[in-house]
């Protein structure tokens, strides 16, 4: 029986508490994460310009849809959300190269923008540029 007590005593002596070691490792990890400076790896590029990349845009093919919290205007004319899709379908039928620039203020609800984008997509327009603030 003495030998069994001896084994239990060895197991207790071999067990060491490493909680403080783990704390020190985490503190070092946090220190290195905070003190490291992250830099973007980038190369300066000077890309050649060609005549083929410069395409002329027909002024009639670009329409501006300006949206704020209270109203919506298509090229300066007030439009309701219900009338937007039929109007865009008519414009797209007249000009299949129609490009729409959607200019939104930051105060516009995201749900309202999704509704507008759904109307634009249902009208068949795929060339859309989105600006998050009104340009003045």
C-alpha atoms as a PDB file:
ATOM      1  CA  UNK A   1       0.000   0.000   0.000  1.00  0.00           C
ATOM      2  CA  UNK A   2       2.877   2.285   0.481  1.00  0.00           C
ATOM      3  CA  UNK A   3       3.755   2.013  -3.141  1.00  0.00           C
ATOM      4  CA  UNK A   4       0.324   3.278  -4.219  1.00  0.00           C
ATOM      5  CA  UNK A   5       0.627   6.338  -2.017  1.00  0.00           C
ATOM      6  CA  UNK A   6       4.024   6.954  -3.500  1.00  0.00           C
ATOM      7  CA  UNK A   7       2.591   6.991  -7.062  1.00  0.00           C
ATOM      8  CA  UNK A   8      -0.100   9.479  -6.147  1.00  0.00           C
ATOM      9  CA  UNK A   9       2.434  11.786  -4.588  1.00  0.00           C
ATOM     10  CA  UNK A  10       4.552  11.769  -7.786  1.00  0.00           C
ATOM     11  CA  UNK A  11       1.571  12.645  -9.950  1.00  0.00           C
ATOM     12  CA  UNK A  12       0.809  15.633  -7.778  1.00  0.00           C
ATOM     13  CA  UNK A  13       4.401  16.823  -7.863  1.00  0.00           C
ATOM     14  CA  UNK A  14       4.648  16.468 -11.640  1.00  0.00           C
ATOM     15  CA  UNK A  15       1.600  18.641 -12.259  1.00  0.00           C
ATOM     16  CA  UNK A  16       2.660  22.236 -12.764  1.00  0.00           C
ATOM     17  CA  UNK A  17       0.519  25.318 -13.109  1.00  0.00           C
ATOM     18  CA  UNK A  18       1.167  27.125 -16.408  1.00  0.00           C
ATOM     19  CA  UNK A  19      -1.588  29.731 -16.083  1.00  0.00           C
ATOM     20  CA  UNK A  20       0.890  32.532 -15.544  1.00  0.00           C
ATOM     21  CA  UNK A  21       2.897  31.405 -18.578  1.00  0.00           C
ATOM     22  CA  UNK A  22      -0.201  31.560 -20.777  1.00  0.00           C
ATOM     23  CA  UNK A  23      -0.964  35.069 -19.453  1.00  0.00           C
ATOM     24  CA  UNK A  24       2.527  36.238 -20.347  1.00  0.00           C
ATOM     25  CA  UNK A  25       2.254  34.742 -23.844  1.00  0.00           C
ATOM     26  CA  UNK A  26      -1.068  36.521 -24.458  1.00  0.00           C
ATOM     27  CA  UNK A  27       0.336  39.824 -23.219  1.00  0.00           C
ATOM     28  CA  UNK A  28       3.318  39.459 -25.579  1.00  0.00           C
ATOM     29  CA  UNK A  29       1.003  38.565 -28.446  1.00  0.00           C
ATOM     30  CA  UNK A  30      -1.139  41.653 -27.831  1.00  0.00           C
ATOM     31  CA  UNK A  31       1.966  43.821 -27.546  1.00  0.00           C
ATOM     32  CA  UNK A  32       3.327  42.658 -30.895  1.00  0.00           C
ATOM     33  CA  UNK A  33      -0.066  42.999 -32.599  1.00  0.00           C
ATOM     34  CA  UNK A  34      -0.478  46.569 -31.381  1.00  0.00           C
ATOM     35  CA  UNK A  35       3.090  47.682 -32.053  1.00  0.00           C
ATOM     36  CA  UNK A  36       3.359  46.199 -35.571  1.00  0.00           C
ATOM     37  CA  UNK A  37       2.966  48.646 -38.437  1.00  0.00           C
ATOM     38  CA  UNK A  38       1.069  47.301 -41.398  1.00  0.00           C
ATOM     39  CA  UNK A  39       2.037  48.711 -44.766  1.00  0.00           C
ATOM     40  CA  UNK A  40       0.447  48.048 -48.109  1.00  0.00           C
ATOM     41  CA  UNK A  41       2.697  46.333 -50.552  1.00  0.00           C
ATOM     42  CA  UNK A  42       2.372  48.318 -53.736  1.00  0.00           C
ATOM     43  CA  UNK A  43       4.357  48.976 -56.831  1.00  0.00           C
ATOM     44  CA  UNK A  44       4.248  52.258 -58.699  1.00  0.00           C
ATOM     45  CA  UNK A  45       2.769  51.551 -62.116  1.00  0.00           C
ATOM     46  CA  UNK A  46       2.835  53.802 -65.123  1.00  0.00           C
ATOM     47  CA  UNK A  47       0.350  52.208 -67.493  1.00  0.00           C
ATOM     48  CA  UNK A  48       0.412  53.183 -71.154  1.00  0.00           C
ATOM     49  CA  UNK A  49      -2.527  55.049 -72.621  1.00  0.00           C
ATOM     50  CA  UNK A  50      -4.125  53.972 -75.850  1.00  0.00           C
ATOM     51  CA  UNK A  51      -6.704  55.509 -78.095  1.00  0.00           C
ATOM     52  CA  UNK A  52      -8.879  52.397 -77.875  1.00  0.00           C
ATOM     53  CA  UNK A  53      -9.420  52.801 -74.117  1.00  0.00           C
ATOM     54  CA  UNK A  54     -10.877  56.274 -74.475  1.00  0.00           C
ATOM     55  CA  UNK A  55     -14.489  55.820 -75.477  1.00  0.00           C
ATOM     56  CA  UNK A  56     -16.746  58.721 -76.174  1.00  0.00           C
ATOM     57  CA  UNK A  57     -19.928  58.746 -74.137  1.00  0.00           C
ATOM     58  CA  UNK A  58     -23.054  60.053 -75.803  1.00  0.00           C
ATOM     59  CA  UNK A  59     -24.660  62.682 -73.574  1.00  0.00           C
ATOM     60  CA  UNK A  60     -28.143  61.334 -74.367  1.00  0.00           C
ATOM     61  CA  UNK A  61     -27.191  57.867 -73.108  1.00  0.00           C
ATOM     62  CA  UNK A  62     -26.391  59.054 -69.551  1.00  0.00           C
ATOM     63  CA  UNK A  63     -29.244  59.796 -67.170  1.00  0.00           C
ATOM     64  CA  UNK A  64     -28.813  60.989 -63.588  1.00  0.00           C
ATOM     65  CA  UNK A  65     -31.133  59.674 -60.896  1.00  0.00           C
ATOM     66  CA  UNK A  66     -30.667  61.824 -57.775  1.00  0.00           C
ATOM     67  CA  UNK A  67     -32.147  60.448 -54.544  1.00  0.00           C
ATOM     68  CA  UNK A  68     -32.444  62.146 -51.178  1.00  0.00           C
ATOM     69  CA  UNK A  69     -34.565  61.334 -48.130  1.00  0.00           C
ATOM     70  CA  UNK A  70     -37.597  63.225 -49.440  1.00  0.00           C
ATOM     71  CA  UNK A  71     -37.638  62.961 -53.240  1.00  0.00           C
ATOM     72  CA  UNK A  72     -36.167  61.403 -56.359  1.00  0.00           C
ATOM     73  CA  UNK A  73     -35.260  63.222 -59.575  1.00  0.00           C
ATOM     74  CA  UNK A  74     -34.399  61.842 -63.001  1.00  0.00           C
ATOM     75  CA  UNK A  75     -32.428  64.486 -64.921  1.00  0.00           C
ATOM     76  CA  UNK A  76     -33.996  67.245 -62.808  1.00  0.00           C
ATOM     77  CA  UNK A  77     -37.604  66.030 -63.055  1.00  0.00           C
ATOM     78  CA  UNK A  78     -39.290  64.698 -59.918  1.00  0.00           C
ATOM     79  CA  UNK A  79     -40.258  61.038 -60.178  1.00  0.00           C
ATOM     80  CA  UNK A  80     -42.153  58.809 -57.745  1.00  0.00           C
ATOM     81  CA  UNK A  81     -41.034  55.273 -56.944  1.00  0.00           C
ATOM     82  CA  UNK A  82     -44.125  53.828 -58.639  1.00  0.00           C
ATOM     83  CA  UNK A  83     -43.499  55.748 -61.887  1.00  0.00           C
ATOM     84  CA  UNK A  84     -39.765  54.986 -61.980  1.00  0.00           C
ATOM     85  CA  UNK A  85     -39.831  51.529 -63.587  1.00  0.00           C
ATOM     86  CA  UNK A  86     -42.193  52.367 -66.513  1.00  0.00           C
ATOM     87  CA  UNK A  87     -40.240  55.567 -67.209  1.00  0.00           C
ATOM     88  CA  UNK A  88     -36.912  53.726 -67.216  1.00  0.00           C
ATOM     89  CA  UNK A  89     -38.341  50.967 -69.434  1.00  0.00           C
ATOM     90  CA  UNK A  90     -39.417  53.602 -71.980  1.00  0.00           C
ATOM     91  CA  UNK A  91     -35.995  55.296 -71.866  1.00  0.00           C
ATOM     92  CA  UNK A  92     -34.222  51.944 -72.214  1.00  0.00           C
ATOM     93  CA  UNK A  93     -36.438  50.941 -75.156  1.00  0.00           C
ATOM     94  CA  UNK A  94     -35.551  54.235 -76.899  1.00  0.00           C
ATOM     95  CA  UNK A  95     -31.819  53.874 -76.135  1.00  0.00           C
ATOM     96  CA  UNK A  96     -30.399  50.386 -75.362  1.00  0.00           C
ATOM     97  CA  UNK A  97     -27.003  51.972 -74.489  1.00  0.00           C
ATOM     98  CA  UNK A  98     -28.574  53.838 -71.570  1.00  0.00           C
ATOM     99  CA  UNK A  99     -26.263  54.416 -68.604  1.00  0.00           C
ATOM    100  CA  UNK A 100     -27.782  55.447 -65.285  1.00  0.00           C
ATOM    101  CA  UNK A 101     -25.903  57.376 -62.621  1.00  0.00           C
ATOM    102  CA  UNK A 102     -27.510  56.880 -59.208  1.00  0.00           C
ATOM    103  CA  UNK A 103     -26.539  59.676 -56.803  1.00  0.00           C
ATOM    104  CA  UNK A 104     -27.667  59.174 -53.213  1.00  0.00           C
ATOM    105  CA  UNK A 105     -27.275  61.218 -50.073  1.00  0.00           C
ATOM    106  CA  UNK A 106     -25.942  59.475 -46.984  1.00  0.00           C
ATOM    107  CA  UNK A 107     -29.262  59.961 -45.188  1.00  0.00           C
ATOM    108  CA  UNK A 108     -31.223  57.737 -47.601  1.00  0.00           C
ATOM    109  CA  UNK A 109     -32.330  54.434 -46.059  1.00  0.00           C
ATOM    110  CA  UNK A 110     -30.701  51.335 -47.486  1.00  0.00           C
ATOM    111  CA  UNK A 111     -34.114  49.722 -47.968  1.00  0.00           C
ATOM    112  CA  UNK A 112     -35.158  52.621 -50.225  1.00  0.00           C
ATOM    113  CA  UNK A 113     -31.986  52.249 -52.312  1.00  0.00           C
ATOM    114  CA  UNK A 114     -32.632  48.503 -52.693  1.00  0.00           C
ATOM    115  CA  UNK A 115     -36.169  49.245 -53.913  1.00  0.00           C
ATOM    116  CA  UNK A 116     -34.790  51.715 -56.472  1.00  0.00           C
ATOM    117  CA  UNK A 117     -32.125  49.264 -57.658  1.00  0.00           C
ATOM    118  CA  UNK A 118     -34.799  46.569 -58.037  1.00  0.00           C
ATOM    119  CA  UNK A 119     -36.874  48.914 -60.230  1.00  0.00           C
ATOM    120  CA  UNK A 120     -33.799  49.716 -62.325  1.00  0.00           C
ATOM    121  CA  UNK A 121     -32.973  46.020 -62.736  1.00  0.00           C
ATOM    122  CA  UNK A 122     -36.586  45.189 -63.671  1.00  0.00           C
ATOM    123  CA  UNK A 123     -36.431  47.925 -66.324  1.00  0.00           C
ATOM    124  CA  UNK A 124     -33.527  46.027 -67.932  1.00  0.00           C
ATOM    125  CA  UNK A 125     -30.789  48.590 -67.299  1.00  0.00           C
ATOM    126  CA  UNK A 126     -27.438  46.988 -66.470  1.00  0.00           C
ATOM    127  CA  UNK A 127     -25.067  49.965 -66.754  1.00  0.00           C
ATOM    128  CA  UNK A 128     -25.367  51.685 -63.379  1.00  0.00           C
ATOM    129  CA  UNK A 129     -22.944  53.978 -61.592  1.00  0.00           C
ATOM    130  CA  UNK A 130     -23.584  54.623 -57.896  1.00  0.00           C
ATOM    131  CA  UNK A 131     -22.420  57.786 -56.096  1.00  0.00           C
ATOM    132  CA  UNK A 132     -23.004  57.893 -52.327  1.00  0.00           C
ATOM    133  CA  UNK A 133     -23.265  61.699 -51.989  1.00  0.00           C
ATOM    134  CA  UNK A 134     -24.782  64.413 -54.103  1.00  0.00           C
ATOM    135  CA  UNK A 135     -22.190  66.177 -56.249  1.00  0.00           C
ATOM    136  CA  UNK A 136     -22.409  69.955 -55.968  1.00  0.00           C
END
